[in-house]
């Protein structure tokens, strides 16, 4: 009888052990699998703009699978397949995720759902007839709009290296071969945005005079009456660190020849003209003899991304293309931190990024907001950034440019919503 009681008691004790040990292991597994699906969904959502609506395998799935594999559940990496990742929409009012659902970025938002399961083996549970326990995790991450879409005209006079600088700040020292007699006012000056040219009436506009009416100066006669050129202080938008920026519906033309004529550089936002792309950099950023600038000392830096101007890094990017830079709340040239390296966008491959994470004060190519194959690009707002500035590329003397681009800026925050 004692033996029978011992056996019965032993089974009961093993049951309690299973409850204590195996239950704790299962609960840890539940926490780990949810943490893994949260991480996978959060990263995957950042790539939703690059995904075709009907896609079942693409950057969203690839990113989710990769991130899941970086997280362990019960001691081993979590393995997902494409079937575990579903694109769709999230309705914050009803709190419902709809697979492959439509979204309007107002009442419903683009989202991705990541689900996973894992069998957790039980140590003591086998004694009571239970060898494993299945744990599941499901997370939904959505691109929630931080603000309503903002549409802004970015003048071709927008010298990006005057971003965040006080009115009257001088910039754009040209290369050494530039004639001072012909261009006595060769510096750009951060000025009142009212001096910029208005948005053109349409692509058919041919002359710089079509952009008049707001006091902009474009012809050599302006030098004779001692009228100093001004440069629009680049358009800025308040941003939230960690959010995602998309540039959409970009249209317009820009030229740095004083007027639009065939063959003189009027280009689209991505810098293309008749299939050709000229790569330029900011001369001032690489001219060490110019006051207030640091750089390599080159006199003509057509495609040199080294150096900086006013604490903002240089870049190699197509002429007249649309570019951007994130700043924090400080005046850039008062920063004590190291200036970020210049980025090189001289090839189509480099301009065809799908996702970009620039640093604060590091200029980047924005183009028309899409890759050459029409995939929407996303830009991650860096930590501490509070402002996004947009401008164009000239090389020097932005102040006599004409045209510009209409840009719609969308800003999203990736949120775990379920």
Protein backbone atom coordinates (compact mmCIF):
# COMPACT_ATOMS: atom_id res chain seq x y z
CA UNK A 1 0.00 0.00 0.00
CA UNK A 2 2.83 2.38 0.81
CA UNK A 3 4.27 1.78 -2.63
CA UNK A 4 0.91 2.60 -4.24
CA UNK A 5 0.63 5.81 -2.24
CA UNK A 6 4.17 6.79 -3.16
CA UNK A 7 3.50 6.25 -6.87
CA UNK A 8 0.24 8.21 -6.71
CA UNK A 9 1.94 10.96 -4.74
CA UNK A 10 4.85 11.03 -7.18
CA UNK A 11 2.51 11.54 -10.14
CA UNK A 12 0.82 14.37 -8.26
CA UNK A 13 4.16 15.95 -7.39
CA UNK A 14 5.33 15.69 -11.01
CA UNK A 15 2.09 17.38 -12.00
CA UNK A 16 2.90 20.23 -9.65
CA UNK A 17 6.45 20.33 -11.04
CA UNK A 18 5.03 20.55 -14.54
CA UNK A 19 2.75 23.35 -13.42
CA UNK A 20 5.69 25.22 -11.91
CA UNK A 21 8.45 24.51 -14.45
CA UNK A 22 6.65 23.82 -17.72
CA UNK A 23 4.03 26.51 -17.17
CA UNK A 24 6.79 29.07 -16.59
CA UNK A 25 8.55 27.94 -19.76
CA UNK A 26 5.35 28.24 -21.78
CA UNK A 27 4.61 31.70 -20.42
CA UNK A 28 8.16 32.81 -21.28
CA UNK A 29 7.64 31.40 -24.78
CA UNK A 30 4.41 33.39 -25.15
CA UNK A 31 6.23 36.58 -24.19
CA UNK A 32 9.12 35.84 -26.54
CA UNK A 33 6.93 35.01 -29.54
CA UNK A 34 4.86 38.16 -29.10
CA UNK A 35 8.03 40.23 -28.79
CA UNK A 36 9.32 38.62 -32.00
CA UNK A 37 6.12 39.24 -33.98
CA UNK A 38 5.99 42.84 -32.70
CA UNK A 39 9.54 43.44 -33.92
CA UNK A 40 8.90 41.75 -37.27
CA UNK A 41 5.67 43.67 -37.87
CA UNK A 42 7.16 47.01 -36.86
CA UNK A 43 10.08 46.71 -39.28
CA UNK A 44 7.96 45.19 -42.06
CA UNK A 45 5.47 48.07 -41.89
CA UNK A 46 8.23 50.51 -42.76
CA UNK A 47 8.52 48.74 -46.12
CA UNK A 48 4.81 48.73 -46.95
CA UNK A 49 5.16 51.64 -49.43
CA UNK A 50 7.51 49.49 -51.54
CA UNK A 51 5.05 46.59 -51.65
CA UNK A 52 2.56 45.95 -54.43
CA UNK A 53 -0.95 45.78 -53.02
CA UNK A 54 -1.42 42.20 -54.22
CA UNK A 55 2.10 41.05 -53.35
CA UNK A 56 2.57 37.87 -51.36
CA UNK A 57 6.36 37.99 -51.48
CA UNK A 58 8.38 41.18 -51.36
CA UNK A 59 10.30 43.55 -49.09
CA UNK A 60 7.66 43.42 -46.36
CA UNK A 61 7.84 39.63 -46.17
CA UNK A 62 11.63 39.59 -46.50
CA UNK A 63 12.11 42.10 -43.69
CA UNK A 64 9.64 40.36 -41.38
CA UNK A 65 11.30 36.99 -41.90
CA UNK A 66 14.76 38.45 -41.28
CA UNK A 67 13.80 40.28 -38.10
CA UNK A 68 11.89 37.29 -36.76
CA UNK A 69 15.00 35.19 -37.22
CA UNK A 70 16.94 37.64 -35.08
CA UNK A 71 14.62 36.89 -32.15
CA UNK A 72 14.64 33.62 -30.24
CA UNK A 73 11.65 31.74 -28.87
CA UNK A 74 12.44 29.01 -26.35
CA UNK A 75 16.13 29.28 -27.23
CA UNK A 76 15.94 29.03 -31.03
CA UNK A 77 15.28 31.65 -33.76
CA UNK A 78 11.68 32.18 -34.81
CA UNK A 79 11.14 30.94 -38.37
CA UNK A 80 8.45 32.58 -40.51
CA UNK A 81 7.30 31.96 -44.05
CA UNK A 82 5.56 34.32 -46.47
CA UNK A 83 2.20 32.88 -45.40
CA UNK A 84 2.79 34.26 -41.88
CA UNK A 85 2.93 37.86 -43.17
CA UNK A 86 -0.21 39.47 -44.60
CA UNK A 87 -0.63 43.00 -45.97
CA UNK A 88 -3.87 44.83 -45.43
CA UNK A 89 -5.53 47.76 -43.71
CA UNK A 90 -6.25 48.79 -40.13
CA UNK A 91 -9.35 50.61 -38.98
CA UNK A 92 -8.56 52.38 -35.67
CA UNK A 93 -12.25 52.99 -34.99
CA UNK A 94 -13.37 49.38 -35.22
CA UNK A 95 -9.89 48.07 -34.35
CA UNK A 96 -10.15 45.54 -37.17
CA UNK A 97 -7.39 44.38 -39.52
CA UNK A 98 -8.58 43.48 -43.01
CA UNK A 99 -6.32 41.29 -45.11
CA UNK A 100 -5.61 42.95 -48.49
CA UNK A 101 -8.03 45.70 -47.46
CA UNK A 102 -8.11 49.16 -49.05
CA UNK A 103 -6.88 52.19 -47.09
CA UNK A 104 -7.24 55.95 -47.44
CA UNK A 105 -4.66 57.17 -44.86
CA UNK A 106 -7.47 59.09 -43.15
CA UNK A 107 -9.93 56.58 -41.66
CA UNK A 108 -8.07 53.40 -42.60
CA UNK A 109 -4.34 52.86 -42.75
CA UNK A 110 -1.87 50.59 -44.50
CA UNK A 111 -0.89 47.74 -42.19
CA UNK A 112 0.79 44.34 -41.95
CA UNK A 113 -0.10 41.38 -39.75
CA UNK A 114 2.52 38.89 -38.59
CA UNK A 115 1.45 35.61 -36.99
CA UNK A 116 3.59 32.77 -35.66
CA UNK A 117 3.34 29.59 -33.65
CA UNK A 118 5.83 27.42 -31.82
CA UNK A 119 5.55 24.07 -30.03
CA UNK A 120 7.16 24.27 -26.58
CA UNK A 121 8.30 20.82 -25.35
CA UNK A 122 7.32 20.00 -21.76
CA UNK A 123 9.73 18.32 -19.37
CA UNK A 124 7.43 17.04 -16.62
CA UNK A 125 4.24 17.29 -18.65
CA UNK A 126 4.95 13.98 -20.41
CA UNK A 127 4.26 12.18 -17.13
CA UNK A 128 0.71 13.49 -17.17
CA UNK A 129 0.25 12.86 -20.90
CA UNK A 130 1.21 16.27 -22.35
CA UNK A 131 4.50 16.37 -24.27
CA UNK A 132 4.24 19.91 -25.68
CA UNK A 133 2.24 23.10 -25.64
CA UNK A 134 1.62 25.35 -28.65
CA UNK A 135 2.14 29.09 -28.20
CA UNK A 136 1.06 31.67 -30.76
CA UNK A 137 1.79 35.32 -31.42
CA UNK A 138 0.03 37.81 -33.65
CA UNK A 139 0.92 41.46 -34.17
CA UNK A 140 -0.44 44.17 -36.44
CA UNK A 141 1.67 47.24 -37.27
CA UNK A 142 0.20 50.16 -39.19
CA UNK A 143 1.51 53.28 -40.89
CA UNK A 144 -0.48 55.86 -38.95
CA UNK A 145 -0.49 59.35 -40.40
CA UNK A 146 1.31 61.86 -38.14
CA UNK A 147 -0.31 64.73 -39.99
CA UNK A 148 -2.45 65.48 -43.02
CA UNK A 149 -0.58 65.50 -46.36
CA UNK A 150 1.36 68.74 -46.87
CA UNK A 151 1.82 70.09 -50.41
CA UNK A 152 4.54 72.69 -50.88
CA UNK A 153 6.29 74.41 -53.78
CA UNK A 154 10.07 74.07 -53.46
CA UNK A 155 11.77 76.84 -55.41
CA UNK A 156 14.82 76.05 -57.54
CA UNK A 157 16.43 78.94 -55.64
CA UNK A 158 16.41 76.84 -52.46
CA UNK A 159 20.05 76.47 -51.45
CA UNK A 160 19.96 73.50 -49.08
CA UNK A 161 23.14 74.64 -47.31
CA UNK A 162 21.33 77.72 -46.00
CA UNK A 163 18.84 75.47 -44.20
CA UNK A 164 18.33 76.50 -40.60
CA UNK A 165 20.58 79.56 -40.94
CA UNK A 166 19.48 83.07 -39.85
CA UNK A 167 18.27 85.53 -42.47
CA UNK A 168 21.20 87.21 -44.17
CA UNK A 169 23.58 84.24 -43.88
CA UNK A 170 25.89 84.07 -46.89
CA UNK A 171 26.57 80.90 -48.84
CA UNK A 172 27.53 79.35 -52.18
CA UNK A 173 31.08 80.54 -52.85
CA UNK A 174 31.58 79.51 -56.50
CA UNK A 175 34.60 77.74 -57.94
CA UNK A 176 37.84 79.63 -58.55
CA UNK A 177 37.25 79.99 -62.28
CA UNK A 178 34.06 82.01 -61.82
CA UNK A 179 34.33 85.66 -62.96
CA UNK A 180 33.76 88.09 -60.12
CA UNK A 181 33.27 90.92 -62.59
CA UNK A 182 30.39 89.15 -64.27
CA UNK A 183 28.95 87.91 -61.01
CA UNK A 184 29.71 90.41 -58.24
CA UNK A 185 26.88 88.98 -56.14
CA UNK A 186 27.90 85.39 -56.45
CA UNK A 187 26.92 84.46 -52.91
CA UNK A 188 23.47 83.24 -52.02
CA UNK A 189 21.86 84.92 -49.03
CA UNK A 190 19.31 83.34 -46.73
CA UNK A 191 16.38 85.65 -47.20
CA UNK A 192 12.67 86.21 -47.10
CA UNK A 193 10.79 83.44 -48.95
CA UNK A 194 8.69 86.12 -50.66
CA UNK A 195 11.55 86.81 -53.06
CA UNK A 196 11.31 83.35 -54.60
CA UNK A 197 9.63 82.78 -57.91
CA UNK A 198 6.04 81.66 -57.85
CA UNK A 199 4.98 78.28 -59.13
CA UNK A 200 4.92 78.16 -62.96
CA UNK A 201 1.69 78.16 -64.87
CA UNK A 202 2.58 74.83 -66.44
CA UNK A 203 5.30 72.80 -68.15
CA UNK A 204 4.95 74.94 -71.27
CA UNK A 205 6.37 78.03 -69.55
CA UNK A 206 9.58 78.94 -71.38
CA UNK A 207 11.03 82.13 -69.93
CA UNK A 208 12.11 83.14 -66.46
CA UNK A 209 9.73 86.11 -66.70
CA UNK A 210 6.86 83.63 -66.48
CA UNK A 211 7.93 83.10 -62.87
CA UNK A 212 7.93 86.81 -62.01
CA UNK A 213 5.53 88.87 -59.96
CA UNK A 214 7.19 88.29 -56.60
CA UNK A 215 10.41 90.27 -57.01
CA UNK A 216 12.87 87.53 -57.93
CA UNK A 217 16.05 88.54 -59.82
CA UNK A 218 17.30 86.48 -62.73
CA UNK A 219 19.08 88.62 -65.34
CA UNK A 220 22.45 90.34 -65.53
CA UNK A 221 20.86 93.81 -65.43
CA UNK A 222 20.10 93.18 -61.78
CA UNK A 223 23.82 93.33 -61.07
CA UNK A 224 24.08 96.81 -62.61
CA UNK A 225 21.67 98.35 -60.11
CA UNK A 226 23.51 96.69 -57.24
CA UNK A 227 20.55 94.43 -56.46
CA UNK A 228 21.91 91.61 -54.33
CA UNK A 229 20.69 88.18 -55.25
CA UNK A 230 18.70 86.44 -52.57
CA UNK A 231 18.17 82.74 -52.08
CA UNK A 232 15.06 81.28 -50.57
CA UNK A 233 15.75 79.70 -47.22
CA UNK A 234 14.87 76.09 -47.99
CA UNK A 235 11.34 74.89 -47.27
CA UNK A 236 11.06 73.13 -43.92
CA UNK A 237 8.55 70.76 -42.35
CA UNK A 238 8.26 69.78 -38.69
CA UNK A 239 8.97 66.06 -38.28
CA UNK A 240 8.86 63.43 -35.55
CA UNK A 241 11.96 61.29 -34.84
CA UNK A 242 11.41 57.68 -35.87
CA UNK A 243 8.58 58.52 -38.26
CA UNK A 244 8.63 57.72 -41.99
CA UNK A 245 8.57 60.34 -44.74
CA UNK A 246 7.23 59.75 -48.23
CA UNK A 247 7.45 62.33 -51.03
CA UNK A 248 4.65 62.00 -53.57
CA UNK A 249 3.07 63.67 -56.59
CA UNK A 250 6.27 65.58 -57.40
CA UNK A 251 6.00 67.71 -60.52
CA UNK A 252 7.72 70.70 -62.12
CA UNK A 253 10.96 71.72 -63.79
CA UNK A 254 14.07 73.51 -62.59
CA UNK A 255 16.84 75.31 -64.47
CA UNK A 256 20.00 77.12 -63.39
CA UNK A 257 20.53 79.11 -66.59
CA UNK A 258 18.18 82.01 -65.88
CA UNK A 259 15.56 80.79 -68.33
CA UNK A 260 14.09 77.63 -69.77
CA UNK A 261 15.51 76.89 -73.20
CA UNK A 262 16.21 73.59 -74.89
CA UNK A 263 19.49 72.08 -73.84
CA UNK A 264 20.20 74.44 -70.93
CA UNK A 265 19.53 72.23 -67.97
CA UNK A 266 15.80 72.38 -67.27
CA UNK A 267 15.25 69.08 -65.49
CA UNK A 268 12.75 67.07 -63.50
CA UNK A 269 13.04 66.42 -59.77
CA UNK A 270 15.26 63.38 -60.26
CA UNK A 271 17.68 65.45 -62.37
CA UNK A 272 16.96 63.59 -65.60
CA UNK A 273 16.89 65.36 -68.95
CA UNK A 274 16.66 63.42 -72.20
CA UNK A 275 18.08 60.38 -70.47
CA UNK A 276 21.21 62.12 -69.22
CA UNK A 277 22.19 63.03 -65.67
CA UNK A 278 24.91 65.52 -64.72
CA UNK A 279 26.34 64.93 -61.23
CA UNK A 280 27.16 68.01 -59.14
CA UNK A 281 28.16 68.91 -55.60
CA UNK A 282 28.16 72.11 -53.59
CA UNK A 283 31.38 73.95 -54.51
CA UNK A 284 31.39 75.86 -51.23
CA UNK A 285 31.53 72.66 -49.23
CA UNK A 286 34.86 71.66 -50.82
CA UNK A 287 36.48 75.10 -50.97
CA UNK A 288 38.69 75.45 -47.90
CA UNK A 289 39.65 79.04 -48.82
CA UNK A 290 36.08 80.29 -48.44
CA UNK A 291 35.32 81.80 -45.01
CA UNK A 292 33.28 79.60 -42.72
CA UNK A 293 33.62 76.45 -44.82
CA UNK A 294 35.53 73.20 -44.34
CA UNK A 295 36.41 70.79 -47.10
CA UNK A 296 38.99 69.29 -49.38
CA UNK A 297 40.00 72.59 -51.00
CA UNK A 298 38.93 71.63 -54.50
CA UNK A 299 38.27 74.55 -56.83
CA UNK A 300 35.76 72.69 -58.96
CA UNK A 301 33.96 69.87 -57.20
CA UNK A 302 31.47 68.76 -59.84
CA UNK A 303 30.98 65.34 -58.23
CA UNK A 304 32.84 65.45 -54.91
CA UNK A 305 30.75 64.57 -51.84
CA UNK A 306 33.44 65.48 -49.31
CA UNK A 307 33.43 68.54 -47.05
CA UNK A 308 30.62 70.64 -45.63
CA UNK A 309 29.09 74.10 -45.64
CA UNK A 310 27.49 75.65 -42.56
CA UNK A 311 27.79 72.31 -40.75
CA UNK A 312 25.78 70.45 -43.43
CA UNK A 313 27.43 67.62 -45.35
CA UNK A 314 28.10 67.74 -49.07
CA UNK A 315 26.57 65.35 -51.60
CA UNK A 316 27.08 64.05 -55.14
CA UNK A 317 23.69 64.25 -56.84
CA UNK A 318 22.09 65.16 -60.20
CA UNK A 319 22.02 68.83 -61.17
CA UNK A 320 18.68 70.56 -60.41
CA UNK A 321 17.43 67.47 -58.59
CA UNK A 322 15.32 67.64 -55.42
CA UNK A 323 17.30 66.89 -52.24
CA UNK A 324 16.73 67.11 -48.51
CA UNK A 325 18.36 67.36 -45.10
CA UNK A 326 17.10 66.77 -41.56
CA UNK A 327 18.06 69.20 -38.80
CA UNK A 328 17.47 69.33 -35.07
CA UNK A 329 16.53 72.52 -33.26
CA UNK A 330 20.02 74.05 -33.49
CA UNK A 331 21.59 76.32 -36.10
CA UNK A 332 23.67 73.78 -38.10
CA UNK A 333 27.03 75.58 -38.01
CA UNK A 334 26.86 75.98 -34.21
CA UNK A 335 26.83 72.21 -33.69
CA UNK A 336 29.88 70.76 -31.93
CA UNK A 337 29.32 67.19 -33.11
CA UNK A 338 31.12 65.57 -36.03
CA UNK A 339 29.70 66.43 -39.44
CA UNK A 340 28.27 63.33 -41.16
CA UNK A 341 30.03 62.03 -44.28
CA UNK A 342 28.72 63.10 -47.67
CA UNK A 343 26.55 60.61 -49.55
CA UNK A 344 27.15 59.67 -53.18
CA UNK A 345 24.11 59.37 -55.45
CA UNK A 346 26.03 59.59 -58.70
CA UNK A 347 24.70 56.27 -60.06
CA UNK A 348 21.15 55.16 -60.74
CA UNK A 349 21.65 52.19 -58.42
CA UNK A 350 22.44 54.55 -55.52
CA UNK A 351 19.43 56.72 -56.37
CA UNK A 352 17.18 53.66 -56.51
CA UNK A 353 17.15 53.06 -52.76
CA UNK A 354 13.82 51.85 -51.40
CA UNK A 355 14.52 52.91 -47.82
CA UNK A 356 17.03 55.47 -46.53
CA UNK A 357 18.14 56.40 -43.00
CA UNK A 358 20.13 59.66 -43.25
CA UNK A 359 21.73 61.29 -40.24
CA UNK A 360 20.94 64.77 -38.95
CA UNK A 361 22.74 67.36 -41.17
CA UNK A 362 23.44 64.73 -43.85
CA UNK A 363 22.05 65.76 -47.24
CA UNK A 364 20.30 63.08 -49.28
CA UNK A 365 18.78 62.63 -52.74
CA UNK A 366 14.97 62.80 -52.78
CA UNK A 367 14.32 62.92 -56.52
CA UNK A 368 10.73 62.27 -57.56
CA UNK A 369 10.10 60.05 -54.53
CA UNK A 370 10.27 56.83 -56.55
CA UNK A 371 12.85 54.44 -57.89
CA UNK A 372 13.41 54.28 -61.65
CA UNK A 373 10.98 51.35 -61.71
CA UNK A 374 8.23 53.30 -59.95
CA UNK A 375 8.61 51.88 -56.41
CA UNK A 376 7.70 54.37 -53.66
CA UNK A 377 10.71 55.33 -51.53
CA UNK A 378 10.64 55.88 -47.76
CA UNK A 379 12.95 58.00 -45.64
CA UNK A 380 13.32 57.40 -41.90
CA UNK A 381 13.47 60.52 -39.74
CA UNK A 382 16.66 60.25 -37.64
CA UNK A 383 16.74 60.55 -33.83
CA UNK A 384 16.73 64.17 -32.53
CA UNK A 385 15.56 65.53 -35.91
CA UNK A 386 12.73 68.06 -35.75
CA UNK A 387 12.82 69.65 -39.22
CA UNK A 388 13.02 68.46 -42.82
CA UNK A 389 14.40 70.93 -45.37
CA UNK A 390 13.99 70.50 -49.14
CA UNK A 391 15.99 72.25 -51.84
CA UNK A 392 17.61 71.71 -55.23
CA UNK A 393 21.15 71.08 -56.48
CA UNK A 394 23.03 73.72 -58.44
CA UNK A 395 26.71 73.75 -57.44
CA UNK A 396 26.85 77.48 -56.75
CA UNK A 397 24.67 80.57 -57.14
CA UNK A 398 21.21 79.12 -56.60
CA UNK A 399 19.89 82.69 -56.59
CA UNK A 400 19.54 82.96 -60.37
CA UNK A 401 17.71 79.65 -60.81
CA UNK A 402 14.16 79.41 -62.08
CA UNK A 403 11.31 76.97 -61.63
CA UNK A 404 10.90 74.43 -58.87
CA UNK A 405 8.84 71.47 -57.79
CA UNK A 406 5.46 70.89 -56.22
CA UNK A 407 5.86 68.23 -53.54
CA UNK A 408 3.35 66.41 -51.34
CA UNK A 409 4.91 65.20 -48.09
CA UNK A 410 3.37 62.32 -46.16
CA UNK A 411 4.60 61.55 -42.65
CA UNK A 412 3.77 58.27 -40.92
CA UNK A 413 4.57 56.67 -37.60
CA UNK A 414 4.85 52.90 -37.41
CA UNK A 415 2.66 51.73 -34.53
CA UNK A 416 1.85 48.32 -33.11
CA UNK A 417 -1.94 48.58 -33.12
CA UNK A 418 -2.93 45.02 -32.19
